[in-house]
């Protein structure tokens, strides 16, 4: 499993929550599944990130009864500020990946 580039976990969590509320384990599984098992988010990284995002006001949490379980789980939701932050993060990510691509495969000079 690949480790995440510093700063990308927040963006991946925000992106995951764009699809709707989720609990921590569900967020980690979504990232793993959609990355075709390349990215695995450890709980030791995920929960501090969730708390950080909540302090920033980008997500909110609420304890709710799980549909398929007989216990409560903490579900996280994206806020309007979180949506705005996600757009900013995605823009930065596109810029960085483009720059890395240029270094890894520079255009041929004519």
PDB file of N, CA and C in Angstrom:
ATOM      1  N   UNK A   1       0.830  -1.184   0.000  1.00  0.00           N
ATOM      2  CA  UNK A   1       0.000   0.000   0.000  1.00  0.00           C
ATOM      3  C   UNK A   1       0.877   1.250   0.000  1.00  0.00           C
ATOM      4  N   UNK A   2       0.477   2.214  -0.746  1.00  0.00           N
ATOM      5  CA  UNK A   2       1.239   3.457  -0.828  1.00  0.00           C
ATOM      6  C   UNK A   2       0.908   4.357   0.348  1.00  0.00           C
ATOM      7  N   UNK A   3       1.922   5.093   0.794  1.00  0.00           N
ATOM      8  CA  UNK A   3       1.644   6.085   1.825  1.00  0.00           C
ATOM      9  C   UNK A   3       1.190   7.367   1.128  1.00  0.00           C
ATOM     10  N   UNK A   4       0.398   8.138   1.835  1.00  0.00           N
ATOM     11  CA  UNK A   4      -0.153   9.355   1.248  1.00  0.00           C
ATOM     12  C   UNK A   4       0.850  10.491   1.304  1.00  0.00           C
ATOM     13  N   UNK A   5       0.895  11.277   0.253  1.00  0.00           N
ATOM     14  CA  UNK A   5       1.710  12.476   0.237  1.00  0.00           C
ATOM     15  C   UNK A   5       1.144  13.423   1.286  1.00  0.00           C
ATOM     16  N   UNK A   6       2.040  14.037   2.055  1.00  0.00           N
ATOM     17  CA  UNK A   6       1.577  14.919   3.118  1.00  0.00           C
ATOM     18  C   UNK A   6       0.614  15.969   2.569  1.00  0.00           C
ATOM     19  N   UNK A   7      -0.492  16.154   3.274  1.00  0.00           N
ATOM     20  CA  UNK A   7      -1.474  17.148   2.867  1.00  0.00           C
ATOM     21  C   UNK A   7      -2.586  16.605   1.989  1.00  0.00           C
ATOM     22  N   UNK A   8      -2.421  15.409   1.454  1.00  0.00           N
ATOM     23  CA  UNK A   8      -3.462  14.886   0.566  1.00  0.00           C
ATOM     24  C   UNK A   8      -4.596  14.200   1.312  1.00  0.00           C
ATOM     25  N   UNK A   9      -4.345  13.736   2.532  1.00  0.00           N
ATOM     26  CA  UNK A   9      -5.389  13.035   3.267  1.00  0.00           C
ATOM     27  C   UNK A   9      -6.598  13.934   3.490  1.00  0.00           C
ATOM     28  N   UNK A  10      -6.367  15.185   3.869  1.00  0.00           N
ATOM     29  CA  UNK A  10      -7.485  16.108   4.079  1.00  0.00           C
ATOM     30  C   UNK A  10      -8.327  16.224   2.815  1.00  0.00           C
ATOM     31  N   UNK A  11      -7.649  16.385   1.677  1.00  0.00           N
ATOM     32  CA  UNK A  11      -8.355  16.524   0.409  1.00  0.00           C
ATOM     33  C   UNK A  11      -9.163  15.257   0.091  1.00  0.00           C
ATOM     34  N   UNK A  12      -8.587  14.088   0.336  1.00  0.00           N
ATOM     35  CA  UNK A  12      -9.283  12.834   0.046  1.00  0.00           C
ATOM     36  C   UNK A  12     -10.494  12.643   0.961  1.00  0.00           C
ATOM     37  N   UNK A  13     -10.368  13.045   2.216  1.00  0.00           N
ATOM     38  CA  UNK A  13     -11.503  12.952   3.138  1.00  0.00           C
ATOM     39  C   UNK A  13     -12.611  13.897   2.688  1.00  0.00           C
ATOM     40  N   UNK A  14     -12.259  15.137   2.371  1.00  0.00           N
ATOM     41  CA  UNK A  14     -13.267  16.102   1.910  1.00  0.00           C
ATOM     42  C   UNK A  14     -13.950  15.592   0.643  1.00  0.00           C
ATOM     43  N   UNK A  15     -13.174  15.053  -0.259  1.00  0.00           N
ATOM     44  CA  UNK A  15     -13.725  14.531  -1.521  1.00  0.00           C
ATOM     45  C   UNK A  15     -14.680  13.365  -1.252  1.00  0.00           C
ATOM     46  N   UNK A  16     -14.308  12.496  -0.331  1.00  0.00           N
ATOM     47  CA  UNK A  16     -15.153  11.357   0.016  1.00  0.00           C
ATOM     48  C   UNK A  16     -16.483  11.844   0.577  1.00  0.00           C
ATOM     49  N   UNK A  17     -16.443  12.855   1.440  1.00  0.00           N
ATOM     50  CA  UNK A  17     -17.663  13.355   2.067  1.00  0.00           C
ATOM     51  C   UNK A  17     -18.531  14.161   1.102  1.00  0.00           C
ATOM     52  N   UNK A  18     -17.985  14.519  -0.053  1.00  0.00           N
ATOM     53  CA  UNK A  18     -18.783  15.190  -1.076  1.00  0.00           C
ATOM     54  C   UNK A  18     -19.943  14.297  -1.520  1.00  0.00           C
ATOM     55  N   UNK A  19     -19.766  12.984  -1.407  1.00  0.00           N
ATOM     56  CA  UNK A  19     -20.789  12.018  -1.830  1.00  0.00           C
ATOM     57  C   UNK A  19     -21.833  11.768  -0.757  1.00  0.00           C
ATOM     58  N   UNK A  20     -21.630  12.330   0.440  1.00  0.00           N
ATOM     59  CA  UNK A  20     -22.602  12.163   1.516  1.00  0.00           C
ATOM     60  C   UNK A  20     -21.929  11.821   2.822  1.00  0.00           C
ATOM     61  N   UNK A  21     -22.704  11.837   3.902  1.00  0.00           N
ATOM     62  CA  UNK A  21     -22.153  11.566   5.230  1.00  0.00           C
ATOM     63  C   UNK A  21     -21.549  10.164   5.321  1.00  0.00           C
ATOM     64  N   UNK A  22     -20.533  10.027   6.148  1.00  0.00           N
ATOM     65  CA  UNK A  22     -19.894   8.721   6.339  1.00  0.00           C
ATOM     66  C   UNK A  22     -19.218   8.688   7.700  1.00  0.00           C
ATOM     67  N   UNK A  23     -19.058   7.481   8.229  1.00  0.00           N
ATOM     68  CA  UNK A  23     -18.311   7.318   9.471  1.00  0.00           C
ATOM     69  C   UNK A  23     -16.850   7.047   9.112  1.00  0.00           C
ATOM     70  N   UNK A  24     -15.975   7.123  10.101  1.00  0.00           N
ATOM     71  CA  UNK A  24     -14.547   7.019   9.858  1.00  0.00           C
ATOM     72  C   UNK A  24     -14.136   5.788   9.085  1.00  0.00           C
ATOM     73  N   UNK A  25     -14.605   4.623   9.514  1.00  0.00           N
ATOM     74  CA  UNK A  25     -14.233   3.381   8.832  1.00  0.00           C
ATOM     75  C   UNK A  25     -14.724   3.400   7.382  1.00  0.00           C
ATOM     76  N   UNK A  26     -15.921   3.945   7.169  1.00  0.00           N
ATOM     77  CA  UNK A  26     -16.465   4.042   5.816  1.00  0.00           C
ATOM     78  C   UNK A  26     -15.628   4.955   4.926  1.00  0.00           C
ATOM     79  N   UNK A  27     -15.119   6.041   5.507  1.00  0.00           N
ATOM     80  CA  UNK A  27     -14.257   6.960   4.755  1.00  0.00           C
ATOM     81  C   UNK A  27     -12.978   6.241   4.331  1.00  0.00           C
ATOM     82  N   UNK A  28     -12.353   5.546   5.280  1.00  0.00           N
ATOM     83  CA  UNK A  28     -11.112   4.815   4.989  1.00  0.00           C
ATOM     84  C   UNK A  28     -11.350   3.757   3.911  1.00  0.00           C
ATOM     85  N   UNK A  29     -12.453   3.019   4.022  1.00  0.00           N
ATOM     86  CA  UNK A  29     -12.757   1.973   3.034  1.00  0.00           C
ATOM     87  C   UNK A  29     -13.042   2.574   1.658  1.00  0.00           C
ATOM     88  N   UNK A  30     -13.727   3.712   1.609  1.00  0.00           N
ATOM     89  CA  UNK A  30     -14.017   4.357   0.327  1.00  0.00           C
ATOM     90  C   UNK A  30     -12.730   4.762  -0.377  1.00  0.00           C
ATOM     91  N   UNK A  31     -11.808   5.358   0.369  1.00  0.00           N
ATOM     92  CA  UNK A  31     -10.527   5.768  -0.220  1.00  0.00           C
ATOM     93  C   UNK A  31      -9.765   4.547  -0.718  1.00  0.00           C
ATOM     94  N   UNK A  32      -9.745   3.487   0.077  1.00  0.00           N
ATOM     95  CA  UNK A  32      -9.045   2.270  -0.331  1.00  0.00           C
ATOM     96  C   UNK A  32      -9.683   1.658  -1.569  1.00  0.00           C
ATOM     97  N   UNK A  33     -10.999   1.555  -1.555  1.00  0.00           N
ATOM     98  CA  UNK A  33     -11.729   0.928  -2.669  1.00  0.00           C
ATOM     99  C   UNK A  33     -11.587   1.732  -3.958  1.00  0.00           C
ATOM    100  N   UNK A  34     -11.777   3.060  -3.874  1.00  0.00           N
ATOM    101  CA  UNK A  34     -11.741   3.861  -5.094  1.00  0.00           C
ATOM    102  C   UNK A  34     -10.326   4.044  -5.630  1.00  0.00           C
ATOM    103  N   UNK A  35      -9.315   3.806  -4.785  1.00  0.00           N
ATOM    104  CA  UNK A  35      -7.928   3.870  -5.271  1.00  0.00           C
ATOM    105  C   UNK A  35      -7.445   2.494  -5.724  1.00  0.00           C
ATOM    106  N   UNK A  36      -8.361   1.560  -5.860  1.00  0.00           N
ATOM    107  CA  UNK A  36      -8.056   0.182  -6.251  1.00  0.00           C
ATOM    108  C   UNK A  36      -7.034  -0.442  -5.312  1.00  0.00           C
ATOM    109  N   UNK A  37      -7.226  -0.198  -4.024  1.00  0.00           N
ATOM    110  CA  UNK A  37      -6.404  -0.746  -2.939  1.00  0.00           C
ATOM    111  C   UNK A  37      -4.964  -0.228  -2.919  1.00  0.00           C
ATOM    112  N   UNK A  38      -4.685   0.836  -3.641  1.00  0.00           N
ATOM    113  CA  UNK A  38      -3.338   1.420  -3.611  1.00  0.00           C
ATOM    114  C   UNK A  38      -3.162   2.257  -2.346  1.00  0.00           C
ATOM    115  N   UNK A  39      -4.194   3.004  -1.977  1.00  0.00           N
ATOM    116  CA  UNK A  39      -4.119   3.862  -0.794  1.00  0.00           C
ATOM    117  C   UNK A  39      -4.862   3.209   0.362  1.00  0.00           C
ATOM    118  N   UNK A  40      -4.176   3.100   1.489  1.00  0.00           N
ATOM    119  CA  UNK A  40      -4.805   2.572   2.687  1.00  0.00           C
ATOM    120  C   UNK A  40      -4.615   3.599   3.792  1.00  0.00           C
ATOM    121  N   UNK A  41      -5.711   4.073   4.343  1.00  0.00           N
ATOM    122  CA  UNK A  41      -5.667   5.101   5.374  1.00  0.00           C
ATOM    123  C   UNK A  41      -5.704   4.420   6.731  1.00  0.00           C
ATOM    124  N   UNK A  42      -4.649   4.618   7.494  1.00  0.00           N
ATOM    125  CA  UNK A  42      -4.574   4.046   8.834  1.00  0.00           C
ATOM    126  C   UNK A  42      -5.424   4.888   9.787  1.00  0.00           C
ATOM    127  N   UNK A  43      -6.049   4.229  10.740  1.00  0.00           N
ATOM    128  CA  UNK A  43      -6.889   4.934  11.705  1.00  0.00           C
ATOM    129  C   UNK A  43      -6.077   5.949  12.505  1.00  0.00           C
ATOM    130  N   UNK A  44      -4.795   5.669  12.717  1.00  0.00           N
ATOM    131  CA  UNK A  44      -3.925   6.597  13.445  1.00  0.00           C
ATOM    132  C   UNK A  44      -3.688   7.896  12.693  1.00  0.00           C
ATOM    133  N   UNK A  45      -3.923   7.905  11.393  1.00  0.00           N
ATOM    134  CA  UNK A  45      -3.825   9.126  10.588  1.00  0.00           C
ATOM    135  C   UNK A  45      -5.205   9.728  10.344  1.00  0.00           C
ATOM    136  N   UNK A  46      -6.197   8.853  10.150  1.00  0.00           N
ATOM    137  CA  UNK A  46      -7.531   9.317   9.777  1.00  0.00           C
ATOM    138  C   UNK A  46      -8.201  10.144  10.870  1.00  0.00           C
ATOM    139  N   UNK A  47      -8.226   9.625  12.082  1.00  0.00           N
ATOM    140  CA  UNK A  47      -8.985  10.317  13.125  1.00  0.00           C
ATOM    141  C   UNK A  47      -8.385  11.666  13.514  1.00  0.00           C
ATOM    142  N   UNK A  48      -7.062  11.801  13.598  1.00  0.00           N
ATOM    143  CA  UNK A  48      -6.519  13.153  13.804  1.00  0.00           C
ATOM    144  C   UNK A  48      -6.886  14.100  12.650  1.00  0.00           C
ATOM    145  N   UNK A  49      -6.919  13.575  11.415  1.00  0.00           N
ATOM    146  CA  UNK A  49      -7.307  14.402  10.267  1.00  0.00           C
ATOM    147  C   UNK A  49      -8.764  14.825  10.384  1.00  0.00           C
ATOM    148  N   UNK A  50      -9.634  13.916  10.780  1.00  0.00           N
ATOM    149  CA  UNK A  50     -11.052  14.252  10.945  1.00  0.00           C
ATOM    150  C   UNK A  50     -11.225  15.326  12.018  1.00  0.00           C
ATOM    151  N   UNK A  51     -10.517  15.181  13.120  1.00  0.00           N
ATOM    152  CA  UNK A  51     -10.612  16.193  14.189  1.00  0.00           C
ATOM    153  C   UNK A  51     -10.090  17.540  13.712  1.00  0.00           C
ATOM    154  N   UNK A  52      -9.001  17.529  12.951  1.00  0.00           N
ATOM    155  CA  UNK A  52      -8.427  18.772  12.401  1.00  0.00           C
ATOM    156  C   UNK A  52      -9.418  19.445  11.445  1.00  0.00           C
ATOM    157  N   UNK A  53     -10.032  18.666  10.564  1.00  0.00           N
ATOM    158  CA  UNK A  53     -11.002  19.207   9.608  1.00  0.00           C
ATOM    159  C   UNK A  53     -12.218  19.773  10.330  1.00  0.00           C
ATOM    160  N   UNK A  54     -12.590  19.119  11.417  1.00  0.00           N
ATOM    161  CA  UNK A  54     -13.740  19.609  12.189  1.00  0.00           C
ATOM    162  C   UNK A  54     -13.383  20.929  12.885  1.00  0.00           C
ATOM    163  N   UNK A  55     -12.178  21.023  13.424  1.00  0.00           N
ATOM    164  CA  UNK A  55     -11.741  22.283  14.054  1.00  0.00           C
ATOM    165  C   UNK A  55     -11.703  23.422  13.042  1.00  0.00           C
ATOM    166  N   UNK A  56     -11.371  23.114  11.804  1.00  0.00           N
ATOM    167  CA  UNK A  56     -11.314  24.122  10.737  1.00  0.00           C
ATOM    168  C   UNK A  56     -12.714  24.548  10.287  1.00  0.00           C
ATOM    169  N   UNK A  57     -13.725  23.764  10.664  1.00  0.00           N
ATOM    170  CA  UNK A  57     -15.093  24.070  10.243  1.00  0.00           C
ATOM    171  C   UNK A  57     -15.433  23.519   8.871  1.00  0.00           C
ATOM    172  N   UNK A  58     -14.599  22.623   8.364  1.00  0.00           N
ATOM    173  CA  UNK A  58     -14.816  22.065   7.032  1.00  0.00           C
ATOM    174  C   UNK A  58     -15.717  20.835   7.049  1.00  0.00           C
ATOM    175  N   UNK A  59     -15.817  20.199   8.226  1.00  0.00           N
ATOM    176  CA  UNK A  59     -16.749  19.087   8.404  1.00  0.00           C
ATOM    177  C   UNK A  59     -17.416  19.239   9.771  1.00  0.00           C
ATOM    178  N   UNK A  60     -18.536  18.578   9.933  1.00  0.00           N
ATOM    179  CA  UNK A  60     -19.209  18.497  11.237  1.00  0.00           C
ATOM    180  C   UNK A  60     -19.486  17.016  11.495  1.00  0.00           C
ATOM    181  N   UNK A  61     -19.639  16.679  12.772  1.00  0.00           N
ATOM    182  CA  UNK A  61     -19.910  15.280  13.111  1.00  0.00           C
ATOM    183  C   UNK A  61     -21.118  15.186  14.017  1.00  0.00           C
ATOM    184  N   UNK A  62     -21.730  14.003  13.986  1.00  0.00           N
ATOM    185  CA  UNK A  62     -22.905  13.749  14.817  1.00  0.00           C
ATOM    186  C   UNK A  62     -22.995  12.243  15.051  1.00  0.00           C
ATOM    187  N   UNK A  63     -23.250  11.879  16.286  1.00  0.00           N
ATOM    188  CA  UNK A  63     -23.456  10.465  16.608  1.00  0.00           C
ATOM    189  C   UNK A  63     -24.842  10.064  16.112  1.00  0.00           C
ATOM    190  N   UNK A  64     -24.907   8.951  15.355  1.00  0.00           N
ATOM    191  CA  UNK A  64     -26.174   8.473  14.817  1.00  0.00           C
ATOM    192  C   UNK A  64     -26.238   6.960  14.914  1.00  0.00           C
ATOM    193  N   UNK A  65     -27.441   6.463  14.958  1.00  0.00           N
ATOM    194  CA  UNK A  65     -27.646   5.014  14.964  1.00  0.00           C
ATOM    195  C   UNK A  65     -27.291   4.471  13.585  1.00  0.00           C
ATOM    196  N   UNK A  66     -26.423   3.492  13.547  1.00  0.00           N
ATOM    197  CA  UNK A  66     -26.059   2.863  12.272  1.00  0.00           C
ATOM    198  C   UNK A  66     -27.225   2.006  11.800  1.00  0.00           C
ATOM    199  N   UNK A  67     -27.501   2.040  10.514  1.00  0.00           N
ATOM    200  CA  UNK A  67     -28.649   1.312   9.961  1.00  0.00           C
ATOM    201  C   UNK A  67     -28.520  -0.195  10.151  1.00  0.00           C
ATOM    202  N   UNK A  68     -27.313  -0.713   9.927  1.00  0.00           N
ATOM    203  CA  UNK A  68     -27.137  -2.168   9.970  1.00  0.00           C
ATOM    204  C   UNK A  68     -26.519  -2.649  11.286  1.00  0.00           C
ATOM    205  N   UNK A  69     -26.368  -1.751  12.243  1.00  0.00           N
ATOM    206  CA  UNK A  69     -25.752  -2.131  13.511  1.00  0.00           C
ATOM    207  C   UNK A  69     -26.627  -1.677  14.668  1.00  0.00           C
ATOM    208  N   UNK A  70     -26.387  -2.286  15.795  1.00  0.00           N
ATOM    209  CA  UNK A  70     -27.163  -1.934  16.977  1.00  0.00           C
ATOM    210  C   UNK A  70     -26.368  -0.991  17.883  1.00  0.00           C
ATOM    211  N   UNK A  71     -25.631  -0.067  17.259  1.00  0.00           N
ATOM    212  CA  UNK A  71     -24.862   0.896  18.036  1.00  0.00           C
ATOM    213  C   UNK A  71     -24.746   2.196  17.267  1.00  0.00           C
ATOM    214  N   UNK A  72     -24.288   3.220  17.973  1.00  0.00           N
ATOM    215  CA  UNK A  72     -24.125   4.522  17.332  1.00  0.00           C
ATOM    216  C   UNK A  72     -22.731   4.650  16.746  1.00  0.00           C
ATOM    217  N   UNK A  73     -22.644   5.344  15.626  1.00  0.00           N
ATOM    218  CA  UNK A  73     -21.377   5.654  14.976  1.00  0.00           C
ATOM    219  C   UNK A  73     -21.323   7.162  14.758  1.00  0.00           C
ATOM    220  N   UNK A  74     -20.131   7.700  14.742  1.00  0.00           N
ATOM    221  CA  UNK A  74     -19.970   9.129  14.494  1.00  0.00           C
ATOM    222  C   UNK A  74     -19.895   9.343  12.979  1.00  0.00           C
ATOM    223  N   UNK A  75     -20.885  10.058  12.456  1.00  0.00           N
ATOM    224  CA  UNK A  75     -20.929  10.347  11.027  1.00  0.00           C
ATOM    225  C   UNK A  75     -20.421  11.759  10.784  1.00  0.00           C
ATOM    226  N   UNK A  76     -19.659  11.912   9.725  1.00  0.00           N
ATOM    227  CA  UNK A  76     -19.073  13.196   9.351  1.00  0.00           C
ATOM    228  C   UNK A  76     -19.751  13.701   8.090  1.00  0.00           C
ATOM    229  N   UNK A  77     -19.958  15.014   8.042  1.00  0.00           N
ATOM    230  CA  UNK A  77     -20.589  15.667   6.889  1.00  0.00           C
ATOM    231  C   UNK A  77     -19.750  16.855   6.456  1.00  0.00           C
ATOM    232  N   UNK A  78     -19.749  17.107   5.180  1.00  0.00           N
ATOM    233  CA  UNK A  78     -19.058  18.259   4.607  1.00  0.00           C
ATOM    234  C   UNK A  78     -19.881  19.521   4.842  1.00  0.00           C
ATOM    235  N   UNK A  79     -19.228  20.622   5.200  1.00  0.00           N
ATOM    236  CA  UNK A  79     -19.914  21.907   5.350  1.00  0.00           C
ATOM    237  C   UNK A  79     -19.717  22.727   4.072  1.00  0.00           C
ATOM    238  N   UNK A  80     -20.404  23.851   3.986  1.00  0.00           N
ATOM    239  CA  UNK A  80     -20.221  24.750   2.837  1.00  0.00           C
ATOM    240  C   UNK A  80     -18.774  25.220   2.775  1.00  0.00           C
ATOM    241  N   UNK A  81     -18.189  25.523   3.942  1.00  0.00           N
ATOM    242  CA  UNK A  81     -16.779  25.932   3.977  1.00  0.00           C
ATOM    243  C   UNK A  81     -15.879  24.788   3.521  1.00  0.00           C
ATOM    244  N   UNK A  82     -16.271  23.556   3.836  1.00  0.00           N
ATOM    245  CA  UNK A  82     -15.512  22.386   3.402  1.00  0.00           C
ATOM    246  C   UNK A  82     -15.557  22.200   1.895  1.00  0.00           C
ATOM    247  N   UNK A  83     -16.716  22.477   1.304  1.00  0.00           N
ATOM    248  CA  UNK A  83     -16.831  22.394  -0.168  1.00  0.00           C
ATOM    249  C   UNK A  83     -15.907  23.413  -0.836  1.00  0.00           C
ATOM    250  N   UNK A  84     -15.880  24.610  -0.272  1.00  0.00           N
ATOM    251  CA  UNK A  84     -15.018  25.663  -0.801  1.00  0.00           C
ATOM    252  C   UNK A  84     -13.543  25.263  -0.661  1.00  0.00           C
ATOM    253  N   UNK A  85     -13.201  24.704   0.502  1.00  0.00           N
ATOM    254  CA  UNK A  85     -11.829  24.258   0.732  1.00  0.00           C
ATOM    255  C   UNK A  85     -11.448  23.139  -0.222  1.00  0.00           C
ATOM    256  N   UNK A  86     -12.385  22.221  -0.480  1.00  0.00           N
ATOM    257  CA  UNK A  86     -12.120  21.126  -1.410  1.00  0.00           C
ATOM    258  C   UNK A  86     -11.776  21.668  -2.788  1.00  0.00           C
ATOM    259  N   UNK A  87     -12.505  22.665  -3.261  1.00  0.00           N
ATOM    260  CA  UNK A  87     -12.196  23.274  -4.567  1.00  0.00           C
ATOM    261  C   UNK A  87     -10.787  23.848  -4.580  1.00  0.00           C
ATOM    262  N   UNK A  88     -10.396  24.513  -3.496  1.00  0.00           N
ATOM    263  CA  UNK A  88      -9.047  25.089  -3.402  1.00  0.00           C
ATOM    264  C   UNK A  88      -7.997  23.983  -3.386  1.00  0.00           C
ATOM    265  N   UNK A  89      -8.251  22.922  -2.620  1.00  0.00           N
ATOM    266  CA  UNK A  89      -7.307  21.803  -2.532  1.00  0.00           C
ATOM    267  C   UNK A  89      -7.162  21.101  -3.879  1.00  0.00           C
ATOM    268  N   UNK A  90      -8.282  20.894  -4.570  1.00  0.00           N
ATOM    269  CA  UNK A  90      -8.222  20.233  -5.876  1.00  0.00           C
ATOM    270  C   UNK A  90      -7.431  21.070  -6.872  1.00  0.00           C
ATOM    271  N   UNK A  91      -7.596  22.375  -6.823  1.00  0.00           N
ATOM    272  CA  UNK A  91      -6.863  23.270  -7.717  1.00  0.00           C
ATOM    273  C   UNK A  91      -5.354  23.177  -7.451  1.00  0.00           C
ATOM    274  N   UNK A  92      -4.981  23.198  -6.176  1.00  0.00           N
ATOM    275  CA  UNK A  92      -3.560  23.062  -5.815  1.00  0.00           C
ATOM    276  C   UNK A  92      -3.024  21.705  -6.247  1.00  0.00           C
ATOM    277  N   UNK A  93      -3.831  20.662  -6.041  1.00  0.00           N
ATOM    278  CA  UNK A  93      -3.414  19.311  -6.399  1.00  0.00           C
ATOM    279  C   UNK A  93      -3.161  19.211  -7.904  1.00  0.00           C
ATOM    280  N   UNK A  94      -4.043  19.774  -8.712  1.00  0.00           N
ATOM    281  CA  UNK A  94      -3.858  19.737 -10.165  1.00  0.00           C
ATOM    282  C   UNK A  94      -2.577  20.460 -10.566  1.00  0.00           C
ATOM    283  N   UNK A  95      -2.297  21.582  -9.911  1.00  0.00           N
ATOM    284  CA  UNK A  95      -1.077  22.339 -10.202  1.00  0.00           C
ATOM    285  C   UNK A  95       0.174  21.527  -9.845  1.00  0.00           C
ATOM    286  N   UNK A  96       0.143  20.892  -8.685  1.00  0.00           N
ATOM    287  CA  UNK A  96       1.296  20.104  -8.239  1.00  0.00           C
ATOM    288  C   UNK A  96       1.497  18.882  -9.131  1.00  0.00           C
ATOM    289  N   UNK A  97       0.421  18.160  -9.458  1.00  0.00           N
ATOM    290  CA  UNK A  97       0.583  16.967 -10.293  1.00  0.00           C
ATOM    291  C   UNK A  97       1.048  17.338 -11.703  1.00  0.00           C
ATOM    292  N   UNK A  98       0.601  18.469 -12.207  1.00  0.00           N
ATOM    293  CA  UNK A  98       1.085  18.939 -13.514  1.00  0.00           C
ATOM    294  C   UNK A  98       2.583  19.231 -13.444  1.00  0.00           C
ATOM    295  N   UNK A  99       3.013  19.910 -12.390  1.00  0.00           N
ATOM    296  CA  UNK A  99       4.424  20.255 -12.232  1.00  0.00           C
ATOM    297  C   UNK A  99       5.285  19.000 -12.089  1.00  0.00           C
ATOM    298  N   UNK A 100       4.809  18.029 -11.314  1.00  0.00           N
ATOM    299  CA  UNK A 100       5.557  16.774 -11.166  1.00  0.00           C
ATOM    300  C   UNK A 100       5.638  16.064 -12.507  1.00  0.00           C
ATOM    301  N   UNK A 101       4.539  16.064 -13.256  1.00  0.00           N
ATOM    302  CA  UNK A 101       4.532  15.455 -14.585  1.00  0.00           C
ATOM    303  C   UNK A 101       5.558  16.091 -15.511  1.00  0.00           C
ATOM    304  N   UNK A 102       5.711  17.404 -15.415  1.00  0.00           N
ATOM    305  CA  UNK A 102       6.695  18.098 -16.248  1.00  0.00           C
ATOM    306  C   UNK A 102       8.124  17.698 -15.881  1.00  0.00           C
ATOM    307  N   UNK A 103       8.367  17.501 -14.600  1.00  0.00           N
ATOM    308  CA  UNK A 103       9.703  17.083 -14.165  1.00  0.00           C
ATOM    309  C   UNK A 103       9.961  15.641 -14.582  1.00  0.00           C
ATOM    310  N   UNK A 104       8.952  14.770 -14.424  1.00  0.00           N
ATOM    311  CA  UNK A 104       9.127  13.351 -14.728  1.00  0.00           C
ATOM    312  C   UNK A 104       9.195  13.086 -16.233  1.00  0.00           C
ATOM    313  N   UNK A 105       8.495  13.853 -17.022  1.00  0.00           N
ATOM    314  CA  UNK A 105       8.474  13.652 -18.472  1.00  0.00           C
ATOM    315  C   UNK A 105       8.469  15.032 -19.138  1.00  0.00           C
ATOM    316  N   UNK A 106       9.633  15.687 -19.148  1.00  0.00           N
ATOM    317  CA  UNK A 106       9.671  17.018 -19.740  1.00  0.00           C
ATOM    318  C   UNK A 106       9.313  16.995 -21.215  1.00  0.00           C
ATOM    319  N   UNK A 107       8.632  18.065 -21.676  1.00  0.00           N
ATOM    320  CA  UNK A 107       8.298  18.116 -23.104  1.00  0.00           C
ATOM    321  C   UNK A 107       9.586  18.161 -23.921  1.00  0.00           C
ATOM    322  N   UNK A 108       9.526  17.513 -25.051  1.00  0.00           N
ATOM    323  CA  UNK A 108      10.720  17.490 -25.913  1.00  0.00           C
ATOM    324  C   UNK A 108      10.895  18.833 -26.583  1.00  0.00           C
ATOM    325  N   UNK A 109      12.126  19.286 -26.584  1.00  0.00           N
ATOM    326  CA  UNK A 109      12.440  20.561 -27.248  1.00  0.00           C
ATOM    327  C   UNK A 109      12.601  20.305 -28.739  1.00  0.00           C
ATOM    328  N   UNK A 110      12.062  21.236 -29.543  1.00  0.00           N
ATOM    329  CA  UNK A 110      12.182  21.046 -30.992  1.00  0.00           C
ATOM    330  C   UNK A 110      13.341  21.819 -31.549  1.00  0.00           C
TER     331      UNK A 110
END
